[in-house]
């Protein structure tokens, strides 16, 4: 599953994404790639949603990756310690290759 949030990832957007991810994981999703190429800002609510998704996918022995972050968003992820939990890639194709290899 590829997730592409855009613009400002605020509380309202986080609530919508949380519901989407909860449903996808409940239906058996074990591979996620967050394409953040269109994301300009992420709030703590957005980070929390991504963190919960990482935890649930990893509990199921799945994989999550992030691709194409802008520098400002990368800085928020780095300051939050996310790179110890998730791998970052320059493009979605590379992220998909690695996520698919690891879980197959």
PDB file of N, CA and C in Angstrom:
ATOM      1  N   UNK A   1       0.843  -1.163   0.000  1.00  0.00           N
ATOM      2  CA  UNK A   1       0.000   0.000   0.000  1.00  0.00           C
ATOM      3  C   UNK A   1       0.894   1.233   0.000  1.00  0.00           C
ATOM      4  N   UNK A   2       0.597   2.169  -0.857  1.00  0.00           N
ATOM      5  CA  UNK A   2       1.332   3.427  -0.914  1.00  0.00           C
ATOM      6  C   UNK A   2       0.421   4.524  -0.370  1.00  0.00           C
ATOM      7  N   UNK A   3       0.926   5.270   0.598  1.00  0.00           N
ATOM      8  CA  UNK A   3       0.198   6.370   1.216  1.00  0.00           C
ATOM      9  C   UNK A   3       0.862   7.665   0.774  1.00  0.00           C
ATOM     10  N   UNK A   4       0.063   8.609   0.223  1.00  0.00           N
ATOM     11  CA  UNK A   4       0.620   9.880  -0.259  1.00  0.00           C
ATOM     12  C   UNK A   4      -0.099  11.079   0.365  1.00  0.00           C
ATOM     13  N   UNK A   5       0.224  11.412   1.602  1.00  0.00           N
ATOM     14  CA  UNK A   5      -0.377  12.621   2.173  1.00  0.00           C
ATOM     15  C   UNK A   5       0.240  13.852   1.517  1.00  0.00           C
ATOM     16  N   UNK A   6      -0.527  14.921   1.440  1.00  0.00           N
ATOM     17  CA  UNK A   6      -0.011  16.130   0.812  1.00  0.00           C
ATOM     18  C   UNK A   6      -0.311  17.371   1.615  1.00  0.00           C
ATOM     19  N   UNK A   7       0.400  18.434   1.294  1.00  0.00           N
ATOM     20  CA  UNK A   7       0.167  19.712   1.950  1.00  0.00           C
ATOM     21  C   UNK A   7       0.619  19.706   3.385  1.00  0.00           C
ATOM     22  N   UNK A   8      -0.303  20.101   4.262  1.00  0.00           N
ATOM     23  CA  UNK A   8      -0.035  20.150   5.697  1.00  0.00           C
ATOM     24  C   UNK A   8      -0.735  18.996   6.380  1.00  0.00           C
ATOM     25  N   UNK A   9       0.033  18.153   7.018  1.00  0.00           N
ATOM     26  CA  UNK A   9      -0.499  16.965   7.695  1.00  0.00           C
ATOM     27  C   UNK A   9      -0.847  17.393   9.117  1.00  0.00           C
ATOM     28  N   UNK A  10      -2.075  17.892   9.282  1.00  0.00           N
ATOM     29  CA  UNK A  10      -2.525  18.415  10.560  1.00  0.00           C
ATOM     30  C   UNK A  10      -3.420  17.408  11.281  1.00  0.00           C
ATOM     31  N   UNK A  11      -4.066  17.855  12.357  1.00  0.00           N
ATOM     32  CA  UNK A  11      -4.886  16.959  13.174  1.00  0.00           C
ATOM     33  C   UNK A  11      -6.019  16.328  12.376  1.00  0.00           C
ATOM     34  N   UNK A  12      -6.721  17.110  11.550  1.00  0.00           N
ATOM     35  CA  UNK A  12      -7.835  16.578  10.772  1.00  0.00           C
ATOM     36  C   UNK A  12      -7.350  15.517   9.771  1.00  0.00           C
ATOM     37  N   UNK A  13      -6.274  15.818   9.075  1.00  0.00           N
ATOM     38  CA  UNK A  13      -5.720  14.858   8.119  1.00  0.00           C
ATOM     39  C   UNK A  13      -5.218  13.612   8.846  1.00  0.00           C
ATOM     40  N   UNK A  14      -4.654  13.800  10.019  1.00  0.00           N
ATOM     41  CA  UNK A  14      -4.150  12.664  10.797  1.00  0.00           C
ATOM     42  C   UNK A  14      -5.290  11.731  11.195  1.00  0.00           C
ATOM     43  N   UNK A  15      -6.421  12.298  11.579  1.00  0.00           N
ATOM     44  CA  UNK A  15      -7.578  11.484  11.959  1.00  0.00           C
ATOM     45  C   UNK A  15      -8.070  10.658  10.772  1.00  0.00           C
ATOM     46  N   UNK A  16      -8.111  11.277   9.594  1.00  0.00           N
ATOM     47  CA  UNK A  16      -8.537  10.564   8.384  1.00  0.00           C
ATOM     48  C   UNK A  16      -7.565   9.441   8.041  1.00  0.00           C
ATOM     49  N   UNK A  17      -6.274   9.735   8.098  1.00  0.00           N
ATOM     50  CA  UNK A  17      -5.276   8.720   7.769  1.00  0.00           C
ATOM     51  C   UNK A  17      -5.278   7.600   8.805  1.00  0.00           C
ATOM     52  N   UNK A  18      -5.473   7.941  10.053  1.00  0.00           N
ATOM     53  CA  UNK A  18      -5.537   6.921  11.107  1.00  0.00           C
ATOM     54  C   UNK A  18      -6.641   5.911  10.788  1.00  0.00           C
ATOM     55  N   UNK A  19      -7.799   6.401  10.424  1.00  0.00           N
ATOM     56  CA  UNK A  19      -8.922   5.516  10.103  1.00  0.00           C
ATOM     57  C   UNK A  19      -8.606   4.647   8.883  1.00  0.00           C
ATOM     58  N   UNK A  20      -8.029   5.247   7.858  1.00  0.00           N
ATOM     59  CA  UNK A  20      -7.669   4.497   6.651  1.00  0.00           C
ATOM     60  C   UNK A  20      -6.658   3.405   6.968  1.00  0.00           C
ATOM     61  N   UNK A  21      -5.621   3.744   7.739  1.00  0.00           N
ATOM     62  CA  UNK A  21      -4.583   2.772   8.081  1.00  0.00           C
ATOM     63  C   UNK A  21      -5.120   1.674   8.989  1.00  0.00           C
ATOM     64  N   UNK A  22      -5.943   2.032   9.957  1.00  0.00           N
ATOM     65  CA  UNK A  22      -6.542   1.024  10.837  1.00  0.00           C
ATOM     66  C   UNK A  22      -7.317  -0.005  10.024  1.00  0.00           C
ATOM     67  N   UNK A  23      -8.116   0.464   9.067  1.00  0.00           N
ATOM     68  CA  UNK A  23      -8.891  -0.443   8.223  1.00  0.00           C
ATOM     69  C   UNK A  23      -7.988  -1.318   7.362  1.00  0.00           C
ATOM     70  N   UNK A  24      -6.970  -0.713   6.759  1.00  0.00           N
ATOM     71  CA  UNK A  24      -6.058  -1.472   5.899  1.00  0.00           C
ATOM     72  C   UNK A  24      -5.319  -2.541   6.690  1.00  0.00           C
ATOM     73  N   UNK A  25      -4.858  -2.191   7.878  1.00  0.00           N
ATOM     74  CA  UNK A  25      -4.125  -3.155   8.706  1.00  0.00           C
ATOM     75  C   UNK A  25      -5.063  -4.256   9.189  1.00  0.00           C
ATOM     76  N   UNK A  26      -6.279  -3.886   9.551  1.00  0.00           N
ATOM     77  CA  UNK A  26      -7.262  -4.887   9.977  1.00  0.00           C
ATOM     78  C   UNK A  26      -7.589  -5.863   8.849  1.00  0.00           C
ATOM     79  N   UNK A  27      -7.490  -5.384   7.612  1.00  0.00           N
ATOM     80  CA  UNK A  27      -7.754  -6.233   6.447  1.00  0.00           C
ATOM     81  C   UNK A  27      -6.519  -7.008   5.999  1.00  0.00           C
ATOM     82  N   UNK A  28      -5.395  -6.848   6.718  1.00  0.00           N
ATOM     83  CA  UNK A  28      -4.231  -7.670   6.445  1.00  0.00           C
ATOM     84  C   UNK A  28      -3.040  -6.987   5.797  1.00  0.00           C
ATOM     85  N   UNK A  29      -3.066  -5.664   5.637  1.00  0.00           N
ATOM     86  CA  UNK A  29      -1.916  -4.970   5.041  1.00  0.00           C
ATOM     87  C   UNK A  29      -0.676  -5.178   5.906  1.00  0.00           C
ATOM     88  N   UNK A  30       0.430  -5.561   5.280  1.00  0.00           N
ATOM     89  CA  UNK A  30       1.690  -5.743   6.011  1.00  0.00           C
ATOM     90  C   UNK A  30       2.860  -4.996   5.363  1.00  0.00           C
ATOM     91  N   UNK A  31       2.598  -4.295   4.275  1.00  0.00           N
ATOM     92  CA  UNK A  31       3.646  -3.533   3.597  1.00  0.00           C
ATOM     93  C   UNK A  31       3.122  -2.139   3.281  1.00  0.00           C
ATOM     94  N   UNK A  32       3.782  -1.127   3.819  1.00  0.00           N
ATOM     95  CA  UNK A  32       3.387   0.260   3.585  1.00  0.00           C
ATOM     96  C   UNK A  32       4.580   1.068   3.128  1.00  0.00           C
ATOM     97  N   UNK A  33       4.332   1.931   2.167  1.00  0.00           N
ATOM     98  CA  UNK A  33       5.321   2.927   1.764  1.00  0.00           C
ATOM     99  C   UNK A  33       4.631   4.282   1.858  1.00  0.00           C
ATOM    100  N   UNK A  34       5.220   5.177   2.645  1.00  0.00           N
ATOM    101  CA  UNK A  34       4.727   6.538   2.727  1.00  0.00           C
ATOM    102  C   UNK A  34       5.492   7.377   1.719  1.00  0.00           C
ATOM    103  N   UNK A  35       4.806   7.844   0.675  1.00  0.00           N
ATOM    104  CA  UNK A  35       5.386   8.746  -0.312  1.00  0.00           C
ATOM    105  C   UNK A  35       5.114  10.156   0.197  1.00  0.00           C
ATOM    106  N   UNK A  36       6.129  10.828   0.684  1.00  0.00           N
ATOM    107  CA  UNK A  36       5.955  12.138   1.299  1.00  0.00           C
ATOM    108  C   UNK A  36       6.399  13.277   0.393  1.00  0.00           C
ATOM    109  N   UNK A  37       6.427  13.024  -0.897  1.00  0.00           N
ATOM    110  CA  UNK A  37       6.883  14.027  -1.856  1.00  0.00           C
ATOM    111  C   UNK A  37       5.992  15.266  -1.899  1.00  0.00           C
ATOM    112  N   UNK A  38       4.737  15.145  -1.544  1.00  0.00           N
ATOM    113  CA  UNK A  38       3.794  16.266  -1.598  1.00  0.00           C
ATOM    114  C   UNK A  38       3.544  16.876  -0.213  1.00  0.00           C
ATOM    115  N   UNK A  39       4.237  16.371   0.805  1.00  0.00           N
ATOM    116  CA  UNK A  39       4.021  16.821   2.178  1.00  0.00           C
ATOM    117  C   UNK A  39       4.962  17.969   2.514  1.00  0.00           C
ATOM    118  N   UNK A  40       4.385  19.082   2.992  1.00  0.00           N
ATOM    119  CA  UNK A  40       5.183  20.261   3.316  1.00  0.00           C
ATOM    120  C   UNK A  40       5.359  20.475   4.815  1.00  0.00           C
ATOM    121  N   UNK A  41       4.436  19.929   5.606  1.00  0.00           N
ATOM    122  CA  UNK A  41       4.488  20.078   7.062  1.00  0.00           C
ATOM    123  C   UNK A  41       3.802  18.887   7.698  1.00  0.00           C
ATOM    124  N   UNK A  42       4.330  18.406   8.812  1.00  0.00           N
ATOM    125  CA  UNK A  42       3.682  17.327   9.550  1.00  0.00           C
ATOM    126  C   UNK A  42       3.614  17.714  11.026  1.00  0.00           C
ATOM    127  N   UNK A  43       2.431  17.581  11.592  1.00  0.00           N
ATOM    128  CA  UNK A  43       2.236  17.903  13.002  1.00  0.00           C
ATOM    129  C   UNK A  43       2.549  16.683  13.858  1.00  0.00           C
ATOM    130  N   UNK A  44       2.547  16.892  15.162  1.00  0.00           N
ATOM    131  CA  UNK A  44       2.771  15.769  16.073  1.00  0.00           C
ATOM    132  C   UNK A  44       1.664  14.727  15.930  1.00  0.00           C
ATOM    133  N   UNK A  45       0.458  15.159  15.582  1.00  0.00           N
ATOM    134  CA  UNK A  45      -0.638  14.214  15.351  1.00  0.00           C
ATOM    135  C   UNK A  45      -0.327  13.302  14.163  1.00  0.00           C
ATOM    136  N   UNK A  46       0.224  13.873  13.112  1.00  0.00           N
ATOM    137  CA  UNK A  46       0.603  13.089  11.945  1.00  0.00           C
ATOM    138  C   UNK A  46       1.713  12.109  12.258  1.00  0.00           C
ATOM    139  N   UNK A  47       2.707  12.568  13.008  1.00  0.00           N
ATOM    140  CA  UNK A  47       3.796  11.674  13.415  1.00  0.00           C
ATOM    141  C   UNK A  47       3.263  10.515  14.251  1.00  0.00           C
ATOM    142  N   UNK A  48       2.330  10.803  15.119  1.00  0.00           N
ATOM    143  CA  UNK A  48       1.755   9.773  15.988  1.00  0.00           C
ATOM    144  C   UNK A  48       1.043   8.696  15.158  1.00  0.00           C
ATOM    145  N   UNK A  49       0.298   9.111  14.144  1.00  0.00           N
ATOM    146  CA  UNK A  49      -0.407   8.157  13.285  1.00  0.00           C
ATOM    147  C   UNK A  49       0.593   7.254  12.568  1.00  0.00           C
ATOM    148  N   UNK A  50       1.649   7.837  12.026  1.00  0.00           N
ATOM    149  CA  UNK A  50       2.662   7.048  11.332  1.00  0.00           C
ATOM    150  C   UNK A  50       3.359   6.109  12.305  1.00  0.00           C
ATOM    151  N   UNK A  51       3.675   6.589  13.494  1.00  0.00           N
ATOM    152  CA  UNK A  51       4.319   5.754  14.505  1.00  0.00           C
ATOM    153  C   UNK A  51       3.451   4.554  14.875  1.00  0.00           C
ATOM    154  N   UNK A  52       2.154   4.772  15.067  1.00  0.00           N
ATOM    155  CA  UNK A  52       1.246   3.668  15.399  1.00  0.00           C
ATOM    156  C   UNK A  52       1.187   2.658  14.257  1.00  0.00           C
ATOM    157  N   UNK A  53       1.149   3.147  13.026  1.00  0.00           N
ATOM    158  CA  UNK A  53       1.115   2.243  11.870  1.00  0.00           C
ATOM    159  C   UNK A  53       2.399   1.421  11.802  1.00  0.00           C
ATOM    160  N   UNK A  54       3.546   2.047  12.031  1.00  0.00           N
ATOM    161  CA  UNK A  54       4.818   1.322  12.029  1.00  0.00           C
ATOM    162  C   UNK A  54       4.768   0.197  13.058  1.00  0.00           C
ATOM    163  N   UNK A  55       4.326   0.522  14.258  1.00  0.00           N
ATOM    164  CA  UNK A  55       4.262  -0.484  15.318  1.00  0.00           C
ATOM    165  C   UNK A  55       3.358  -1.650  14.959  1.00  0.00           C
ATOM    166  N   UNK A  56       2.184  -1.365  14.433  1.00  0.00           N
ATOM    167  CA  UNK A  56       1.239  -2.436  14.103  1.00  0.00           C
ATOM    168  C   UNK A  56       1.745  -3.303  12.960  1.00  0.00           C
ATOM    169  N   UNK A  57       2.344  -2.670  11.954  1.00  0.00           N
ATOM    170  CA  UNK A  57       2.877  -3.439  10.822  1.00  0.00           C
ATOM    171  C   UNK A  57       4.058  -4.291  11.286  1.00  0.00           C
ATOM    172  N   UNK A  58       4.933  -3.738  12.098  1.00  0.00           N
ATOM    173  CA  UNK A  58       6.075  -4.508  12.577  1.00  0.00           C
ATOM    174  C   UNK A  58       5.645  -5.658  13.484  1.00  0.00           C
ATOM    175  N   UNK A  59       4.571  -5.488  14.248  1.00  0.00           N
ATOM    176  CA  UNK A  59       4.039  -6.594  15.057  1.00  0.00           C
ATOM    177  C   UNK A  59       3.632  -7.768  14.173  1.00  0.00           C
ATOM    178  N   UNK A  60       3.200  -7.474  12.972  1.00  0.00           N
ATOM    179  CA  UNK A  60       2.772  -8.501  12.017  1.00  0.00           C
ATOM    180  C   UNK A  60       3.924  -8.964  11.124  1.00  0.00           C
ATOM    181  N   UNK A  61       5.134  -8.593  11.503  1.00  0.00           N
ATOM    182  CA  UNK A  61       6.346  -8.956  10.758  1.00  0.00           C
ATOM    183  C   UNK A  61       6.360  -8.347   9.355  1.00  0.00           C
ATOM    184  N   UNK A  62       5.682  -7.221   9.190  1.00  0.00           N
ATOM    185  CA  UNK A  62       5.665  -6.519   7.913  1.00  0.00           C
ATOM    186  C   UNK A  62       6.723  -5.432   7.876  1.00  0.00           C
ATOM    187  N   UNK A  63       6.686  -4.622   6.832  1.00  0.00           N
ATOM    188  CA  UNK A  63       7.688  -3.579   6.635  1.00  0.00           C
ATOM    189  C   UNK A  63       7.024  -2.266   6.241  1.00  0.00           C
ATOM    190  N   UNK A  64       7.626  -1.173   6.697  1.00  0.00           N
ATOM    191  CA  UNK A  64       7.184   0.179   6.364  1.00  0.00           C
ATOM    192  C   UNK A  64       8.407   0.965   5.920  1.00  0.00           C
ATOM    193  N   UNK A  65       8.232   1.788   4.903  1.00  0.00           N
ATOM    194  CA  UNK A  65       9.318   2.637   4.425  1.00  0.00           C
ATOM    195  C   UNK A  65       8.762   4.014   4.093  1.00  0.00           C
ATOM    196  N   UNK A  66       9.655   4.980   4.040  1.00  0.00           N
ATOM    197  CA  UNK A  66       9.292   6.353   3.682  1.00  0.00           C
ATOM    198  C   UNK A  66      10.132   6.758   2.486  1.00  0.00           C
ATOM    199  N   UNK A  67       9.503   7.482   1.564  1.00  0.00           N
ATOM    200  CA  UNK A  67      10.218   7.912   0.365  1.00  0.00           C
ATOM    201  C   UNK A  67       9.940   9.377   0.062  1.00  0.00           C
ATOM    202  N   UNK A  68      10.932  10.020  -0.533  1.00  0.00           N
ATOM    203  CA  UNK A  68      10.818  11.341  -1.139  1.00  0.00           C
ATOM    204  C   UNK A  68      10.405  12.447  -0.176  1.00  0.00           C
ATOM    205  N   UNK A  69      11.134  12.597   0.913  1.00  0.00           N
ATOM    206  CA  UNK A  69      10.824  13.644   1.881  1.00  0.00           C
ATOM    207  C   UNK A  69      11.483  14.960   1.526  1.00  0.00           C
ATOM    208  N   UNK A  70      10.750  16.042   1.763  1.00  0.00           N
ATOM    209  CA  UNK A  70      11.342  17.369   1.672  1.00  0.00           C
ATOM    210  C   UNK A  70      12.234  17.566   2.897  1.00  0.00           C
ATOM    211  N   UNK A  71      13.195  18.466   2.802  1.00  0.00           N
ATOM    212  CA  UNK A  71      14.149  18.672   3.890  1.00  0.00           C
ATOM    213  C   UNK A  71      13.479  19.057   5.207  1.00  0.00           C
ATOM    214  N   UNK A  72      12.464  19.910   5.157  1.00  0.00           N
ATOM    215  CA  UNK A  72      11.795  20.341   6.384  1.00  0.00           C
ATOM    216  C   UNK A  72      11.121  19.159   7.079  1.00  0.00           C
ATOM    217  N   UNK A  73      10.448  18.321   6.312  1.00  0.00           N
ATOM    218  CA  UNK A  73       9.774  17.144   6.871  1.00  0.00           C
ATOM    219  C   UNK A  73      10.807  16.151   7.381  1.00  0.00           C
ATOM    220  N   UNK A  74      11.895  15.968   6.648  1.00  0.00           N
ATOM    221  CA  UNK A  74      12.975  15.071   7.077  1.00  0.00           C
ATOM    222  C   UNK A  74      13.531  15.517   8.423  1.00  0.00           C
ATOM    223  N   UNK A  75      13.661  16.813   8.607  1.00  0.00           N
ATOM    224  CA  UNK A  75      14.156  17.338   9.868  1.00  0.00           C
ATOM    225  C   UNK A  75      13.253  16.980  11.043  1.00  0.00           C
ATOM    226  N   UNK A  76      11.943  17.031  10.826  1.00  0.00           N
ATOM    227  CA  UNK A  76      10.994  16.661  11.878  1.00  0.00           C
ATOM    228  C   UNK A  76      11.123  15.173  12.195  1.00  0.00           C
ATOM    229  N   UNK A  77      11.226  14.348  11.163  1.00  0.00           N
ATOM    230  CA  UNK A  77      11.384  12.908  11.380  1.00  0.00           C
ATOM    231  C   UNK A  77      12.694  12.601  12.104  1.00  0.00           C
ATOM    232  N   UNK A  78      13.764  13.281  11.716  1.00  0.00           N
ATOM    233  CA  UNK A  78      15.063  13.051  12.350  1.00  0.00           C
ATOM    234  C   UNK A  78      15.028  13.468  13.819  1.00  0.00           C
ATOM    235  N   UNK A  79      14.467  14.631  14.106  1.00  0.00           N
ATOM    236  CA  UNK A  79      14.397  15.118  15.481  1.00  0.00           C
ATOM    237  C   UNK A  79      13.536  14.220  16.356  1.00  0.00           C
ATOM    238  N   UNK A  80      12.567  13.534  15.729  1.00  0.00           N
ATOM    239  CA  UNK A  80      11.663  12.655  16.473  1.00  0.00           C
ATOM    240  C   UNK A  80      12.203  11.241  16.628  1.00  0.00           C
ATOM    241  N   UNK A  81      13.348  10.957  16.031  1.00  0.00           N
ATOM    242  CA  UNK A  81      13.959   9.636  16.159  1.00  0.00           C
ATOM    243  C   UNK A  81      13.357   8.564  15.269  1.00  0.00           C
ATOM    244  N   UNK A  82      12.611   8.954  14.254  1.00  0.00           N
ATOM    245  CA  UNK A  82      11.926   7.979  13.406  1.00  0.00           C
ATOM    246  C   UNK A  82      12.880   7.116  12.580  1.00  0.00           C
ATOM    247  N   UNK A  83      14.058   7.634  12.278  1.00  0.00           N
ATOM    248  CA  UNK A  83      14.945   6.875  11.403  1.00  0.00           C
ATOM    249  C   UNK A  83      15.565   5.667  12.088  1.00  0.00           C
ATOM    250  N   UNK A  84      15.347   5.526  13.375  1.00  0.00           N
ATOM    251  CA  UNK A  84      15.752   4.292  14.045  1.00  0.00           C
ATOM    252  C   UNK A  84      14.674   3.216  13.884  1.00  0.00           C
ATOM    253  N   UNK A  85      13.492   3.622  13.425  1.00  0.00           N
ATOM    254  CA  UNK A  85      12.359   2.701  13.273  1.00  0.00           C
ATOM    255  C   UNK A  85      12.017   2.372  11.827  1.00  0.00           C
ATOM    256  N   UNK A  86      12.400   3.245  10.924  1.00  0.00           N
ATOM    257  CA  UNK A  86      11.926   3.136   9.547  1.00  0.00           C
ATOM    258  C   UNK A  86      13.021   3.582   8.591  1.00  0.00           C
ATOM    259  N   UNK A  87      13.040   2.958   7.417  1.00  0.00           N
ATOM    260  CA  UNK A  87      14.047   3.311   6.413  1.00  0.00           C
ATOM    261  C   UNK A  87      13.509   4.359   5.461  1.00  0.00           C
ATOM    262  N   UNK A  88      14.402   5.244   5.037  1.00  0.00           N
ATOM    263  CA  UNK A  88      14.053   6.295   4.081  1.00  0.00           C
ATOM    264  C   UNK A  88      14.709   5.992   2.731  1.00  0.00           C
ATOM    265  N   UNK A  89      13.967   6.294   1.658  1.00  0.00           N
ATOM    266  CA  UNK A  89      14.463   6.078   0.303  1.00  0.00           C
ATOM    267  C   UNK A  89      14.259   7.341  -0.519  1.00  0.00           C
ATOM    268  N   UNK A  90      15.091   7.496  -1.552  1.00  0.00           N
ATOM    269  CA  UNK A  90      14.994   8.666  -2.416  1.00  0.00           C
ATOM    270  C   UNK A  90      13.765   8.631  -3.308  1.00  0.00           C
ATOM    271  N   UNK A  91      13.293   7.430  -3.642  1.00  0.00           N
ATOM    272  CA  UNK A  91      12.128   7.320  -4.516  1.00  0.00           C
ATOM    273  C   UNK A  91      11.241   6.147  -4.095  1.00  0.00           C
ATOM    274  N   UNK A  92      10.006   6.209  -4.532  1.00  0.00           N
ATOM    275  CA  UNK A  92       9.009   5.195  -4.159  1.00  0.00           C
ATOM    276  C   UNK A  92       9.389   3.825  -4.702  1.00  0.00           C
ATOM    277  N   UNK A  93       9.907   3.777  -5.909  1.00  0.00           N
ATOM    278  CA  UNK A  93      10.256   2.495  -6.518  1.00  0.00           C
ATOM    279  C   UNK A  93      11.284   1.735  -5.684  1.00  0.00           C
ATOM    280  N   UNK A  94      12.294   2.430  -5.203  1.00  0.00           N
ATOM    281  CA  UNK A  94      13.312   1.791  -4.357  1.00  0.00           C
ATOM    282  C   UNK A  94      12.704   1.303  -3.050  1.00  0.00           C
ATOM    283  N   UNK A  95      11.830   2.105  -2.468  1.00  0.00           N
ATOM    284  CA  UNK A  95      11.171   1.709  -1.218  1.00  0.00           C
ATOM    285  C   UNK A  95      10.316   0.467  -1.440  1.00  0.00           C
ATOM    286  N   UNK A  96       9.573   0.433  -2.531  1.00  0.00           N
ATOM    287  CA  UNK A  96       8.725  -0.729  -2.829  1.00  0.00           C
ATOM    288  C   UNK A  96       9.548  -1.991  -3.033  1.00  0.00           C
ATOM    289  N   UNK A  97      10.656  -1.865  -3.744  1.00  0.00           N
ATOM    290  CA  UNK A  97      11.531  -3.020  -3.973  1.00  0.00           C
ATOM    291  C   UNK A  97      11.997  -3.626  -2.649  1.00  0.00           C
ATOM    292  N   UNK A  98      12.473  -2.779  -1.761  1.00  0.00           N
ATOM    293  CA  UNK A  98      13.006  -3.266  -0.489  1.00  0.00           C
ATOM    294  C   UNK A  98      11.900  -3.818   0.391  1.00  0.00           C
ATOM    295  N   UNK A  99      10.794  -3.129   0.474  1.00  0.00           N
ATOM    296  CA  UNK A  99       9.675  -3.609   1.312  1.00  0.00           C
ATOM    297  C   UNK A  99       9.163  -4.939   0.795  1.00  0.00           C
ATOM    298  N   UNK A 100       9.062  -5.094  -0.509  1.00  0.00           N
ATOM    299  CA  UNK A 100       8.594  -6.359  -1.077  1.00  0.00           C
ATOM    300  C   UNK A 100       9.603  -7.482  -0.914  1.00  0.00           C
ATOM    301  N   UNK A 101      10.897  -7.189  -1.039  1.00  0.00           N
ATOM    302  CA  UNK A 101      11.928  -8.211  -0.862  1.00  0.00           C
ATOM    303  C   UNK A 101      11.943  -8.739   0.569  1.00  0.00           C
ATOM    304  N   UNK A 102      11.846  -7.860   1.518  1.00  0.00           N
ATOM    305  CA  UNK A 102      11.976  -8.235   2.921  1.00  0.00           C
ATOM    306  C   UNK A 102      10.826  -9.127   3.365  1.00  0.00           C
ATOM    307  N   UNK A 103       9.622  -8.894   2.863  1.00  0.00           N
ATOM    308  CA  UNK A 103       8.470  -9.647   3.346  1.00  0.00           C
ATOM    309  C   UNK A 103       8.149 -10.880   2.512  1.00  0.00           C
ATOM    310  N   UNK A 104       8.794 -11.042   1.375  1.00  0.00           N
ATOM    311  CA  UNK A 104       8.516 -12.219   0.535  1.00  0.00           C
ATOM    312  C   UNK A 104       9.354 -13.408   0.941  1.00  0.00           C
TER     313      UNK A 104
END
